[in-house]
């Protein structure tokens, strides 16, 4: 009896060891998805290549479109659940992103779209002009600068016009009276018999001549 019990326990233990191995050996259903592909808003042309990537780094599938649609399949394991799936349509990255699921999207269409036209660059916004701040205090007066070098001499000016003739000066004072002139020579002797009257007359004439000469000399000195 004990031997039968031992054999039964061994059989149960063997079954317990074999059952997990059978369970773990079962394949995991792949991720299958049906894509609806559009380019520039229209269904993709037949034969357009669509590549499928895991986490955007490893390519896991490549299919072509027919009537704007494509079906792809990704084999994997349970550990891939929730991993990102990315798409490139004709080499252009699609904005849409899927996630890996066991047997995912068998009866579901997943839409992806791309634009073959480059986006027009938007003009950069002009930065707002800063407002002027409050006026600051007046700064101190700067020191006096050094004297600059002398400039070149200017051109010689033209000669001025002659001035007007001055008015005649006032007459000077009269000069001092001149000295008396030398006495004239004596007249010739008068004739006999009548010499007395003639001698007197000659003397008088000589005196008058002397006086006249003296007056002429004085007048000449005054006019000088």
N, C-alpha and C. Protein backbone atom coordinates (compact mmCIF):
# COMPACT_ATOMS: atom_id res chain seq x y z
N UNK A 1 0.83 -1.22 0.00
CA UNK A 1 0.00 0.00 0.00
C UNK A 1 0.86 1.27 0.00
N UNK A 2 1.86 1.26 0.83
CA UNK A 2 2.75 2.42 0.88
C UNK A 2 3.43 2.63 -0.46
N UNK A 3 3.76 1.51 -1.12
CA UNK A 3 4.43 1.65 -2.42
C UNK A 3 3.52 2.27 -3.44
N UNK A 4 2.23 1.95 -3.40
CA UNK A 4 1.28 2.53 -4.35
C UNK A 4 1.10 4.04 -4.11
N UNK A 5 1.04 4.39 -2.81
CA UNK A 5 0.91 5.82 -2.50
C UNK A 5 2.14 6.61 -3.01
N UNK A 6 3.31 6.03 -2.81
CA UNK A 6 4.53 6.72 -3.26
C UNK A 6 4.53 6.89 -4.77
N UNK A 7 4.08 5.84 -5.49
CA UNK A 7 4.03 5.92 -6.94
C UNK A 7 3.03 6.97 -7.39
N UNK A 8 1.89 7.10 -6.69
CA UNK A 8 0.88 8.11 -7.05
C UNK A 8 1.41 9.52 -6.84
N UNK A 9 2.13 9.71 -5.72
CA UNK A 9 2.70 11.04 -5.46
C UNK A 9 3.73 11.42 -6.52
N UNK A 10 4.53 10.44 -6.94
CA UNK A 10 5.51 10.72 -7.96
C UNK A 10 4.86 11.08 -9.29
N UNK A 11 3.73 10.41 -9.61
CA UNK A 11 3.03 10.71 -10.85
C UNK A 11 2.45 12.11 -10.83
N UNK A 12 1.88 12.51 -9.67
CA UNK A 12 1.32 13.87 -9.55
C UNK A 12 2.42 14.91 -9.68
N UNK A 13 3.56 14.66 -9.04
CA UNK A 13 4.67 15.60 -9.11
C UNK A 13 5.16 15.75 -10.54
N UNK A 14 5.23 14.64 -11.28
CA UNK A 14 5.67 14.70 -12.66
C UNK A 14 4.70 15.52 -13.51
N UNK A 15 3.39 15.31 -13.23
CA UNK A 15 2.40 16.11 -13.99
C UNK A 15 2.54 17.61 -13.69
N UNK A 16 2.79 17.92 -12.41
CA UNK A 16 2.94 19.33 -12.03
C UNK A 16 4.16 19.96 -12.71
N UNK A 17 5.21 19.17 -12.91
CA UNK A 17 6.39 19.69 -13.56
C UNK A 17 6.21 19.81 -15.07
N UNK A 18 5.47 18.92 -15.68
CA UNK A 18 5.27 18.92 -17.12
C UNK A 18 4.27 19.97 -17.56
N UNK A 19 3.20 20.21 -16.79
CA UNK A 19 2.13 21.12 -17.20
C UNK A 19 2.63 22.55 -17.43
N UNK A 20 3.46 23.14 -16.53
CA UNK A 20 3.97 24.51 -16.82
C UNK A 20 4.81 24.56 -18.07
N UNK A 21 5.58 23.49 -18.31
CA UNK A 21 6.40 23.50 -19.52
C UNK A 21 5.54 23.51 -20.76
N UNK A 22 4.41 22.80 -20.71
CA UNK A 22 3.50 22.80 -21.85
C UNK A 22 2.86 24.16 -22.03
N UNK A 23 2.46 24.75 -20.88
CA UNK A 23 1.82 26.08 -20.93
C UNK A 23 2.79 27.12 -21.47
N UNK A 24 4.05 27.12 -20.96
CA UNK A 24 5.04 28.10 -21.39
C UNK A 24 5.46 27.88 -22.83
N UNK A 25 5.33 26.70 -23.31
CA UNK A 25 5.73 26.42 -24.67
C UNK A 25 4.72 26.86 -25.70
N UNK A 26 3.53 27.29 -25.30
CA UNK A 26 2.51 27.74 -26.24
C UNK A 26 2.93 29.08 -26.85
N UNK A 27 2.83 29.27 -28.19
CA UNK A 27 3.21 30.54 -28.81
C UNK A 27 2.26 31.67 -28.42
N UNK A 28 2.82 32.91 -28.34
CA UNK A 28 2.02 34.11 -28.02
C UNK A 28 1.40 34.63 -29.30
N UNK A 29 0.10 34.96 -29.33
CA UNK A 29 -0.52 35.49 -30.55
C UNK A 29 0.19 36.76 -31.02
N UNK A 30 0.48 36.91 -32.33
CA UNK A 30 1.18 38.12 -32.82
C UNK A 30 0.25 39.33 -32.82
N UNK A 31 0.89 40.47 -32.95
CA UNK A 31 0.14 41.72 -33.10
C UNK A 31 -0.19 41.88 -34.59
N UNK A 32 -1.49 41.91 -34.90
CA UNK A 32 -1.93 42.06 -36.28
C UNK A 32 -2.76 43.33 -36.37
N UNK A 33 -2.49 44.16 -37.39
CA UNK A 33 -3.23 45.41 -37.54
C UNK A 33 -3.49 45.70 -39.01
N UNK A 34 -4.64 46.32 -39.24
CA UNK A 34 -5.02 46.73 -40.58
C UNK A 34 -4.90 48.26 -40.66
N UNK A 35 -4.02 48.71 -41.52
CA UNK A 35 -3.75 50.15 -41.63
C UNK A 35 -4.58 50.76 -42.75
N UNK A 36 -5.07 51.98 -42.49
CA UNK A 36 -5.71 52.81 -43.51
C UNK A 36 -4.76 53.98 -43.74
N UNK A 37 -4.11 53.98 -44.90
CA UNK A 37 -3.00 54.91 -45.15
C UNK A 37 -3.46 56.02 -46.09
N UNK A 38 -3.14 57.27 -45.74
CA UNK A 38 -3.46 58.42 -46.59
C UNK A 38 -2.24 59.31 -46.71
N UNK A 39 -2.10 59.90 -47.92
CA UNK A 39 -1.00 60.82 -48.20
C UNK A 39 -1.60 62.13 -48.69
N UNK A 40 -1.28 63.23 -48.01
CA UNK A 40 -1.83 64.55 -48.35
C UNK A 40 -3.35 64.53 -48.36
N UNK A 41 -3.95 63.73 -47.43
CA UNK A 41 -5.40 63.69 -47.30
C UNK A 41 -6.11 62.75 -48.24
N UNK A 42 -5.40 62.07 -49.13
CA UNK A 42 -6.00 61.13 -50.08
C UNK A 42 -5.43 59.73 -49.83
N UNK A 43 -6.19 58.66 -50.16
CA UNK A 43 -5.69 57.30 -49.97
C UNK A 43 -4.36 57.11 -50.68
N UNK A 44 -3.45 56.40 -50.01
CA UNK A 44 -2.12 56.17 -50.59
C UNK A 44 -2.24 55.37 -51.87
N UNK A 45 -1.38 55.67 -52.85
CA UNK A 45 -1.39 54.94 -54.12
C UNK A 45 -1.00 53.49 -53.90
N UNK A 46 -1.52 52.60 -54.76
CA UNK A 46 -1.18 51.19 -54.66
C UNK A 46 0.34 51.01 -54.75
N UNK A 47 0.86 50.13 -53.90
CA UNK A 47 2.29 49.85 -53.91
C UNK A 47 3.12 50.77 -53.06
N UNK A 48 2.47 51.70 -52.34
CA UNK A 48 3.22 52.57 -51.43
C UNK A 48 3.77 51.76 -50.28
N UNK A 49 5.07 51.88 -50.01
CA UNK A 49 5.69 51.10 -48.94
C UNK A 49 5.41 51.71 -47.58
N UNK A 50 5.05 50.84 -46.64
CA UNK A 50 4.85 51.24 -45.25
C UNK A 50 5.76 50.36 -44.40
N UNK A 51 6.70 50.99 -43.69
CA UNK A 51 7.59 50.24 -42.79
C UNK A 51 7.12 50.43 -41.36
N UNK A 52 7.25 49.34 -40.55
CA UNK A 52 6.78 49.33 -39.17
C UNK A 52 7.99 49.20 -38.26
N UNK A 53 8.03 50.03 -37.19
CA UNK A 53 9.18 50.09 -36.31
C UNK A 53 8.74 49.94 -34.85
N UNK A 54 9.57 49.25 -34.06
CA UNK A 54 9.34 49.14 -32.61
C UNK A 54 10.16 50.22 -31.91
N UNK A 55 9.49 51.02 -31.13
CA UNK A 55 10.13 52.13 -30.40
C UNK A 55 10.89 53.07 -31.33
N UNK A 56 10.56 53.08 -32.63
CA UNK A 56 11.18 54.00 -33.58
C UNK A 56 12.61 53.69 -33.92
N UNK A 57 13.13 52.50 -33.48
CA UNK A 57 14.54 52.19 -33.72
C UNK A 57 14.75 50.90 -34.49
N UNK A 58 13.88 49.90 -34.30
CA UNK A 58 14.05 48.59 -34.93
C UNK A 58 12.90 48.33 -35.90
N UNK A 59 13.23 48.10 -37.19
CA UNK A 59 12.20 47.80 -38.17
C UNK A 59 11.77 46.34 -38.00
N UNK A 60 10.45 46.14 -37.87
CA UNK A 60 9.93 44.79 -37.61
C UNK A 60 9.02 44.30 -38.74
N UNK A 61 8.63 45.17 -39.67
CA UNK A 61 7.78 44.72 -40.76
C UNK A 61 7.83 45.74 -41.89
N UNK A 62 7.50 45.28 -43.11
CA UNK A 62 7.41 46.14 -44.28
C UNK A 62 6.31 45.62 -45.18
N UNK A 63 5.31 46.47 -45.50
CA UNK A 63 4.18 46.07 -46.33
C UNK A 63 3.93 47.15 -47.37
N UNK A 64 3.10 46.82 -48.38
CA UNK A 64 2.71 47.79 -49.40
C UNK A 64 1.20 47.94 -49.41
N UNK A 65 0.75 49.10 -49.84
CA UNK A 65 -0.68 49.40 -49.79
C UNK A 65 -1.39 48.90 -51.03
N UNK A 66 -2.68 48.65 -50.84
CA UNK A 66 -3.59 48.30 -51.93
C UNK A 66 -4.93 48.91 -51.60
N UNK A 67 -5.44 49.79 -52.48
CA UNK A 67 -6.66 50.55 -52.20
C UNK A 67 -6.52 51.37 -50.93
N UNK A 68 -5.30 51.87 -50.67
CA UNK A 68 -5.07 52.72 -49.51
C UNK A 68 -4.99 51.98 -48.19
N UNK A 69 -4.88 50.63 -48.23
CA UNK A 69 -4.85 49.85 -46.99
C UNK A 69 -3.69 48.86 -47.03
N UNK A 70 -3.25 48.42 -45.82
CA UNK A 70 -2.18 47.43 -45.69
C UNK A 70 -2.33 46.71 -44.36
N UNK A 71 -2.01 45.41 -44.36
CA UNK A 71 -2.09 44.59 -43.15
C UNK A 71 -0.68 44.14 -42.79
N UNK A 72 -0.32 44.31 -41.50
CA UNK A 72 1.01 43.87 -41.07
C UNK A 72 0.85 43.01 -39.82
N UNK A 73 1.89 42.22 -39.54
CA UNK A 73 1.90 41.32 -38.38
C UNK A 73 3.27 41.40 -37.72
N UNK A 74 3.23 41.47 -36.38
CA UNK A 74 4.47 41.52 -35.61
C UNK A 74 4.46 40.37 -34.61
N UNK A 75 5.38 39.43 -34.80
CA UNK A 75 5.54 38.35 -33.84
C UNK A 75 6.22 38.90 -32.60
N UNK A 76 5.93 38.31 -31.45
CA UNK A 76 6.57 38.77 -30.23
C UNK A 76 6.22 37.92 -29.05
N UNK A 77 6.45 38.43 -27.87
CA UNK A 77 6.16 37.76 -26.62
C UNK A 77 5.42 38.70 -25.71
N UNK A 78 4.94 38.15 -24.62
CA UNK A 78 4.11 38.93 -23.72
C UNK A 78 4.83 40.17 -23.20
N UNK A 79 6.17 40.09 -23.12
CA UNK A 79 6.93 41.23 -22.61
C UNK A 79 6.89 42.44 -23.51
N UNK A 80 6.43 42.28 -24.76
CA UNK A 80 6.34 43.42 -25.68
C UNK A 80 5.05 44.23 -25.52
N UNK A 81 4.14 43.74 -24.70
CA UNK A 81 2.86 44.41 -24.53
C UNK A 81 3.07 45.86 -24.10
N UNK A 82 2.45 46.78 -24.80
CA UNK A 82 2.54 48.21 -24.49
C UNK A 82 3.69 48.92 -25.17
N UNK A 83 4.56 48.20 -25.89
CA UNK A 83 5.66 48.85 -26.60
C UNK A 83 5.13 49.68 -27.77
N UNK A 84 5.81 50.80 -28.05
CA UNK A 84 5.36 51.71 -29.10
C UNK A 84 5.67 51.13 -30.48
N UNK A 85 4.72 51.32 -31.41
CA UNK A 85 4.88 50.92 -32.80
C UNK A 85 4.77 52.18 -33.65
N UNK A 86 5.79 52.44 -34.48
CA UNK A 86 5.81 53.63 -35.33
C UNK A 86 5.77 53.24 -36.79
N UNK A 87 5.39 54.20 -37.65
CA UNK A 87 5.20 53.91 -39.07
C UNK A 87 5.89 54.97 -39.92
N UNK A 88 6.39 54.52 -41.09
CA UNK A 88 6.91 55.42 -42.11
C UNK A 88 6.21 55.07 -43.42
N UNK A 89 5.61 56.09 -44.04
CA UNK A 89 4.90 55.89 -45.30
C UNK A 89 5.73 56.51 -46.41
N UNK A 90 6.24 55.68 -47.30
CA UNK A 90 7.12 56.18 -48.35
C UNK A 90 8.34 56.86 -47.81
N UNK A 91 8.83 56.41 -46.65
CA UNK A 91 10.01 57.00 -46.03
C UNK A 91 9.72 58.23 -45.19
N UNK A 92 8.46 58.64 -45.09
CA UNK A 92 8.09 59.82 -44.32
C UNK A 92 7.47 59.37 -43.00
N UNK A 93 7.94 59.92 -41.89
CA UNK A 93 7.43 59.55 -40.57
C UNK A 93 5.97 59.96 -40.45
N UNK A 94 5.14 59.00 -39.95
CA UNK A 94 3.74 59.30 -39.66
C UNK A 94 3.63 59.78 -38.23
N UNK A 95 2.69 60.69 -37.99
CA UNK A 95 2.53 61.23 -36.64
C UNK A 95 1.86 60.23 -35.70
N UNK A 96 1.07 59.30 -36.23
CA UNK A 96 0.34 58.35 -35.40
C UNK A 96 1.28 57.28 -34.82
N UNK A 97 0.94 56.78 -33.63
CA UNK A 97 1.73 55.76 -32.94
C UNK A 97 0.80 54.71 -32.36
N UNK A 98 1.10 53.43 -32.59
CA UNK A 98 0.30 52.32 -32.08
C UNK A 98 1.05 51.66 -30.92
N UNK A 99 0.41 50.69 -30.23
CA UNK A 99 1.06 49.93 -29.16
C UNK A 99 0.88 48.43 -29.42
N UNK A 100 1.90 47.64 -29.04
CA UNK A 100 1.87 46.20 -29.29
C UNK A 100 0.92 45.50 -28.33
N UNK A 101 0.07 44.65 -28.85
CA UNK A 101 -0.85 43.84 -28.06
C UNK A 101 -0.86 42.42 -28.61
N UNK A 102 -1.10 41.47 -27.77
CA UNK A 102 -1.22 40.08 -28.22
C UNK A 102 -2.47 39.96 -29.09
N UNK A 103 -2.24 39.67 -30.39
CA UNK A 103 -3.37 39.56 -31.31
C UNK A 103 -4.08 40.87 -31.53
N UNK A 104 -3.40 41.99 -31.28
CA UNK A 104 -4.03 43.31 -31.31
C UNK A 104 -4.58 43.73 -32.66
N UNK A 105 -5.68 44.45 -32.65
CA UNK A 105 -6.30 45.11 -33.79
C UNK A 105 -6.67 44.14 -34.93
N UNK A 106 -7.07 42.93 -34.57
CA UNK A 106 -7.46 41.97 -35.62
C UNK A 106 -8.65 42.50 -36.41
N UNK A 107 -9.60 43.08 -35.73
CA UNK A 107 -10.82 43.56 -36.39
C UNK A 107 -10.91 45.10 -36.28
N UNK A 108 -9.79 45.75 -36.21
CA UNK A 108 -9.80 47.21 -36.05
C UNK A 108 -8.87 47.85 -37.08
N UNK A 109 -9.34 48.93 -37.67
CA UNK A 109 -8.49 49.66 -38.62
C UNK A 109 -7.78 50.79 -37.89
N UNK A 110 -6.50 50.91 -38.21
CA UNK A 110 -5.69 51.97 -37.59
C UNK A 110 -5.23 52.91 -38.69
N UNK A 111 -5.63 54.19 -38.60
CA UNK A 111 -5.35 55.17 -39.66
C UNK A 111 -4.00 55.84 -39.41
N UNK A 112 -3.22 55.94 -40.49
CA UNK A 112 -1.96 56.71 -40.46
C UNK A 112 -1.96 57.63 -41.67
N UNK A 113 -1.34 58.81 -41.50
CA UNK A 113 -1.33 59.79 -42.59
C UNK A 113 -0.02 60.54 -42.56
N UNK A 114 0.42 60.96 -43.76
CA UNK A 114 1.63 61.77 -43.88
C UNK A 114 1.37 62.87 -44.89
N UNK A 115 2.25 63.89 -44.87
CA UNK A 115 2.20 64.99 -45.83
C UNK A 115 3.50 65.00 -46.61
N UNK A 116 3.37 64.98 -47.94
CA UNK A 116 4.56 64.99 -48.78
C UNK A 116 5.09 66.39 -49.02
N UNK A 117 4.36 67.40 -48.56
CA UNK A 117 4.76 68.79 -48.75
C UNK A 117 5.40 69.31 -47.48
N UNK A 118 6.56 69.95 -47.58
CA UNK A 118 7.19 70.50 -46.38
C UNK A 118 6.35 71.61 -45.80
N UNK A 119 6.32 71.64 -44.48
CA UNK A 119 5.56 72.71 -43.82
C UNK A 119 6.20 74.06 -44.08
N UNK A 120 5.36 75.04 -44.40
CA UNK A 120 5.88 76.40 -44.62
C UNK A 120 6.37 76.97 -43.31
N UNK A 121 7.54 77.47 -43.36
CA UNK A 121 8.11 78.04 -42.14
C UNK A 121 7.38 79.32 -41.78
N UNK A 122 6.99 79.38 -40.54
CA UNK A 122 6.28 80.55 -40.06
C UNK A 122 7.27 81.67 -39.72
N UNK A 123 6.93 82.89 -40.10
CA UNK A 123 7.85 83.98 -39.76
C UNK A 123 7.95 84.14 -38.27
N UNK A 124 9.16 84.33 -37.83
CA UNK A 124 9.36 84.49 -36.40
C UNK A 124 8.74 85.79 -35.93
N UNK A 125 8.08 85.68 -34.79
CA UNK A 125 7.40 86.86 -34.26
C UNK A 125 8.42 87.91 -33.86
N UNK A 126 8.12 89.14 -34.21
CA UNK A 126 9.04 90.23 -33.87
C UNK A 126 8.97 90.48 -32.38
N UNK A 127 10.09 90.48 -31.73
CA UNK A 127 10.05 90.69 -30.28
C UNK A 127 9.46 92.04 -29.93
N UNK A 128 8.68 92.01 -28.85
CA UNK A 128 8.03 93.25 -28.42
C UNK A 128 9.07 94.28 -28.03
N UNK A 129 8.84 95.49 -28.45
CA UNK A 129 9.76 96.57 -28.17
C UNK A 129 9.64 96.97 -26.71
N UNK A 130 10.77 96.97 -26.05
CA UNK A 130 10.75 97.31 -24.63
C UNK A 130 10.45 98.79 -24.45
N UNK A 131 9.66 99.07 -23.42
CA UNK A 131 9.32 100.45 -23.13
C UNK A 131 10.49 101.12 -22.42
N UNK A 132 10.63 102.43 -22.67
CA UNK A 132 11.69 103.18 -22.01
C UNK A 132 11.41 103.26 -20.52
N UNK A 133 12.44 103.11 -19.73
CA UNK A 133 12.28 103.21 -18.30
C UNK A 133 12.26 104.66 -17.84
N UNK A 134 12.11 104.83 -16.53
CA UNK A 134 12.09 106.18 -15.98
C UNK A 134 13.43 106.87 -16.20
N UNK A 135 13.39 108.17 -16.37
CA UNK A 135 14.59 108.94 -16.62
C UNK A 135 15.45 108.96 -15.38
N UNK A 136 16.72 108.64 -15.55
CA UNK A 136 17.63 108.60 -14.41
C UNK A 136 18.09 109.99 -13.99
N UNK A 137 18.78 110.03 -12.83
CA UNK A 137 19.31 111.31 -12.35
C UNK A 137 20.39 111.84 -13.28
N UNK A 138 20.53 113.14 -13.29
CA UNK A 138 21.53 113.78 -14.12
C UNK A 138 22.91 113.48 -13.61
N UNK A 139 23.80 113.06 -14.49
CA UNK A 139 25.16 112.72 -14.09
C UNK A 139 26.00 113.94 -13.77
N UNK A 140 27.12 113.69 -13.07
CA UNK A 140 28.04 114.79 -12.75
C UNK A 140 28.66 115.36 -14.02
N UNK A 141 29.02 116.64 -13.93
CA UNK A 141 29.64 117.32 -15.05
C UNK A 141 31.04 116.78 -15.26
N UNK A 142 31.36 116.46 -16.48
CA UNK A 142 32.68 115.92 -16.78
C UNK A 142 33.77 116.98 -16.69
N UNK A 143 35.00 116.52 -16.50
CA UNK A 143 36.12 117.46 -16.41
C UNK A 143 36.43 118.11 -17.75
N UNK A 144 37.17 119.21 -17.68
CA UNK A 144 37.52 119.94 -18.89
C UNK A 144 38.54 119.16 -19.69
N UNK A 145 38.29 119.05 -20.94
CA UNK A 145 39.21 118.30 -21.79
C UNK A 145 40.48 119.07 -22.09
N UNK A 146 41.48 118.34 -22.56
CA UNK A 146 42.75 118.98 -22.92
C UNK A 146 42.57 119.92 -24.10
N UNK A 147 43.41 120.97 -24.13
CA UNK A 147 43.37 121.93 -25.23
C UNK A 147 43.80 121.24 -26.52
N UNK A 148 43.05 121.48 -27.55
CA UNK A 148 43.37 120.86 -28.83
C UNK A 148 44.56 121.54 -29.51
N UNK A 149 45.11 120.86 -30.46
CA UNK A 149 46.26 121.41 -31.19
C UNK A 149 45.84 122.64 -31.99
N UNK A 150 46.81 123.59 -32.15
CA UNK A 150 46.52 124.82 -32.88
C UNK A 150 46.23 124.51 -34.34
N UNK A 151 45.27 125.22 -34.87
CA UNK A 151 44.92 125.02 -36.26
C UNK A 151 45.89 125.72 -37.19
N UNK A 152 45.86 125.42 -38.46
CA UNK A 152 46.77 126.07 -39.42
C UNK A 152 46.46 127.55 -39.54
N UNK A 153 47.48 128.40 -39.84
CA UNK A 153 47.23 129.85 -39.95
C UNK A 153 46.27 130.16 -41.09
N UNK A 154 45.46 131.21 -40.86
CA UNK A 154 44.51 131.60 -41.90
C UNK A 154 45.18 132.39 -43.01
N UNK A 155 44.46 132.59 -44.10
CA UNK A 155 45.00 133.35 -45.24
C UNK A 155 45.11 134.83 -44.90
N UNK A 156 46.11 135.51 -45.54
CA UNK A 156 46.30 136.95 -45.31
C UNK A 156 45.12 137.72 -45.90
N UNK A 157 44.57 138.65 -45.08
CA UNK A 157 43.43 139.43 -45.56
C UNK A 157 43.84 140.48 -46.58
N UNK A 158 42.91 140.94 -47.34
CA UNK A 158 43.19 141.98 -48.35
C UNK A 158 43.46 143.32 -47.68
N UNK A 159 44.25 144.23 -48.38
CA UNK A 159 44.60 145.54 -47.83
C UNK A 159 43.36 146.42 -47.69
N UNK A 160 43.29 147.17 -46.58
CA UNK A 160 42.15 148.05 -46.37
C UNK A 160 42.24 149.31 -47.23
N UNK A 161 41.15 149.98 -47.35
CA UNK A 161 41.10 151.22 -48.14
C UNK A 161 41.83 152.34 -47.40
N UNK A 162 42.37 153.35 -48.20
CA UNK A 162 43.04 154.51 -47.59
C UNK A 162 42.03 155.29 -46.78
N UNK A 163 42.48 155.82 -45.64
CA UNK A 163 41.60 156.63 -44.82
C UNK A 163 41.40 158.03 -45.42
N UNK A 164 40.39 158.70 -44.97
CA UNK A 164 40.10 160.07 -45.46
C UNK A 164 41.18 161.04 -44.96
N UNK A 165 41.47 162.15 -45.78
CA UNK A 165 42.48 163.15 -45.40
C UNK A 165 42.04 163.86 -44.14
N UNK A 166 43.02 164.11 -43.24
CA UNK A 166 42.70 164.80 -42.01
C UNK A 166 42.50 166.31 -42.25
N UNK A 167 41.80 166.95 -41.33
CA UNK A 167 41.57 168.40 -41.45
C UNK A 167 42.87 169.17 -41.17
N UNK A 168 43.00 170.38 -41.72
CA UNK A 168 44.20 171.21 -41.53
C UNK A 168 44.34 171.57 -40.07
N UNK A 169 45.58 171.52 -39.54
CA UNK A 169 45.81 171.86 -38.14
C UNK A 169 45.69 173.37 -37.90
N UNK A 170 45.51 173.75 -36.64
CA UNK A 170 45.41 175.17 -36.28
C UNK A 170 46.78 175.85 -36.41
N UNK A 171 46.80 177.18 -36.69
CA UNK A 171 48.05 177.92 -36.85
C UNK A 171 48.83 177.97 -35.55
N UNK A 172 50.14 177.79 -35.61
CA UNK A 172 50.97 177.80 -34.41
C UNK A 172 51.14 179.22 -33.86
N UNK A 173 51.63 179.36 -32.65
CA UNK A 173 51.82 180.70 -32.06
C UNK A 173 52.95 181.46 -32.76
N UNK A 174 52.92 182.76 -32.67
CA UNK A 174 53.94 183.60 -33.34
C UNK A 174 55.29 183.40 -32.69
N UNK A 175 56.32 183.35 -33.49
CA UNK A 175 57.67 183.17 -32.96
C UNK A 175 58.19 184.46 -32.30
N UNK A 176 59.27 184.32 -31.58
CA UNK A 176 59.84 185.52 -30.92
C UNK A 176 60.41 186.52 -31.94
N UNK A 177 60.49 187.77 -31.58
CA UNK A 177 61.00 188.82 -32.48
C UNK A 177 62.48 188.60 -32.81
N UNK A 178 62.81 188.80 -34.05
CA UNK A 178 64.20 188.59 -34.46
C UNK A 178 65.12 189.73 -33.97
N UNK A 179 66.40 189.44 -34.05
CA UNK A 179 67.38 190.46 -33.64
C UNK A 179 67.42 191.60 -34.66
N UNK A 180 67.82 192.73 -34.23
CA UNK A 180 67.96 193.89 -35.15
C UNK A 180 69.02 193.58 -36.20
N UNK A 181 68.76 194.05 -37.39
CA UNK A 181 69.70 193.83 -38.47
C UNK A 181 70.94 194.75 -38.33
N UNK A 182 71.95 194.38 -39.08
CA UNK A 182 73.19 195.19 -39.02
C UNK A 182 72.96 196.57 -39.66
N UNK A 183 73.65 197.54 -39.23
CA UNK A 183 73.49 198.92 -39.75
C UNK A 183 73.97 198.96 -41.18
N UNK A 184 73.26 199.72 -41.99
CA UNK A 184 73.64 199.87 -43.40
C UNK A 184 74.92 200.72 -43.55
N UNK A 185 75.48 200.59 -44.70
CA UNK A 185 76.72 201.35 -44.94
C UNK A 185 76.41 202.85 -45.06
N UNK A 186 77.33 203.65 -44.72
CA UNK A 186 77.12 205.12 -44.77
C UNK A 186 76.97 205.58 -46.20
N UNK A 187 76.15 206.56 -46.42
CA UNK A 187 75.95 207.09 -47.77
C UNK A 187 77.16 207.92 -48.22
N UNK A 188 77.17 208.17 -49.48
CA UNK A 188 78.28 208.96 -50.04
C UNK A 188 78.21 210.39 -49.52
N UNK A 189 79.33 211.01 -49.50
CA UNK A 189 79.38 212.38 -49.02
C UNK A 189 78.66 213.32 -49.97
N UNK A 190 77.88 214.29 -49.45
CA UNK A 190 77.14 215.24 -50.28
C UNK A 190 78.08 216.23 -50.99
N UNK A 191 77.55 216.90 -51.93
CA UNK A 191 78.33 217.90 -52.67
C UNK A 191 78.59 219.10 -51.78
N UNK A 192 79.59 219.72 -52.15
CA UNK A 192 79.92 220.91 -51.38
C UNK A 192 78.81 221.93 -51.49
N UNK A 193 78.65 222.67 -50.52
CA UNK A 193 77.71 223.80 -50.50
C UNK A 193 76.32 223.33 -50.22
N UNK A 194 76.00 222.38 -50.51
CA UNK A 194 74.60 221.97 -50.22
C UNK A 194 74.57 220.69 -49.49
N UNK A 195 75.67 220.23 -49.00
CA UNK A 195 75.77 218.89 -48.40
C UNK A 195 75.02 218.76 -47.09
N UNK A 196 74.77 219.83 -46.48
CA UNK A 196 74.12 219.71 -45.17
C UNK A 196 72.73 219.12 -45.26
N UNK A 197 71.90 219.63 -46.15
CA UNK A 197 70.50 219.14 -46.30
C UNK A 197 70.49 217.75 -46.86
N UNK A 198 71.28 217.47 -47.84
CA UNK A 198 71.32 216.15 -48.47
C UNK A 198 71.80 215.11 -47.48
N UNK A 199 72.75 215.46 -46.67
CA UNK A 199 73.24 214.50 -45.67
C UNK A 199 72.16 214.10 -44.70
N UNK A 200 71.37 215.06 -44.31
CA UNK A 200 70.28 214.74 -43.36
C UNK A 200 69.26 213.83 -44.00
N UNK A 201 68.96 214.18 -45.28
CA UNK A 201 67.95 213.37 -45.99
C UNK A 201 68.47 211.95 -46.17
N UNK A 202 69.72 211.78 -46.51
CA UNK A 202 70.32 210.45 -46.69
C UNK A 202 70.29 209.68 -45.41
N UNK A 203 70.55 210.37 -44.29
CA UNK A 203 70.51 209.68 -43.01
C UNK A 203 69.13 209.18 -42.68
N UNK A 204 68.17 210.07 -42.97
CA UNK A 204 66.76 209.67 -42.69
C UNK A 204 66.38 208.47 -43.53
N UNK A 205 66.78 208.48 -44.83
CA UNK A 205 66.46 207.36 -45.72
C UNK A 205 67.14 206.10 -45.24
N UNK A 206 68.37 206.23 -44.77
CA UNK A 206 69.09 205.05 -44.28
C UNK A 206 68.41 204.44 -43.08
N UNK A 207 67.94 205.32 -42.19
CA UNK A 207 67.22 204.82 -40.99
C UNK A 207 65.93 204.10 -41.38
N UNK A 208 65.22 204.73 -42.34
CA UNK A 208 63.95 204.10 -42.80
C UNK A 208 64.24 202.74 -43.42
N UNK A 209 65.35 202.70 -44.20
CA UNK A 209 65.71 201.42 -44.84
C UNK A 209 66.05 200.38 -43.80
N UNK A 210 66.76 200.79 -42.74
CA UNK A 210 67.11 199.84 -41.68
C UNK A 210 65.85 199.33 -40.99
N UNK A 211 64.94 200.27 -40.69
CA UNK A 211 63.68 199.88 -40.02
C UNK A 211 62.88 198.94 -40.89
N UNK A 212 62.84 199.25 -42.22
CA UNK A 212 62.10 198.37 -43.14
C UNK A 212 62.70 196.99 -43.21
N UNK A 213 64.03 196.93 -43.23
CA UNK A 213 64.69 195.62 -43.29
C UNK A 213 64.41 194.82 -42.04
N UNK A 214 64.44 195.54 -40.90
CA UNK A 214 64.15 194.83 -39.64
C UNK A 214 62.73 194.32 -39.60
N UNK A 215 61.79 195.19 -40.08
CA UNK A 215 60.38 194.73 -40.09
C UNK A 215 60.19 193.54 -40.99
N UNK A 216 60.88 193.57 -42.18
CA UNK A 216 60.75 192.43 -43.11
C UNK A 216 61.28 191.16 -42.49
N UNK A 217 62.37 191.29 -41.74
CA UNK A 217 62.95 190.10 -41.12
C UNK A 217 62.03 189.51 -40.06
N UNK A 218 61.42 190.47 -39.26
CA UNK A 218 60.48 189.99 -38.22
C UNK A 218 59.28 189.32 -38.84
N UNK A 219 58.75 189.91 -39.90
CA UNK A 219 57.57 189.33 -40.54
C UNK A 219 57.92 187.96 -41.14
N UNK A 220 59.12 187.87 -41.69
CA UNK A 220 59.56 186.55 -42.24
C UNK A 220 59.62 185.50 -41.17
N UNK A 221 60.11 185.82 -39.98
CA UNK A 221 60.19 184.84 -38.89
C UNK A 221 58.83 184.44 -38.42
N UNK A 222 57.87 185.39 -38.39
CA UNK A 222 56.50 185.04 -37.94
C UNK A 222 55.80 184.11 -38.93
N UNK A 223 56.00 184.40 -40.19
CA UNK A 223 55.31 183.54 -41.19
C UNK A 223 55.92 182.16 -41.22
N UNK A 224 57.18 182.00 -40.79
CA UNK A 224 57.81 180.68 -40.75
C UNK A 224 57.24 179.91 -39.60
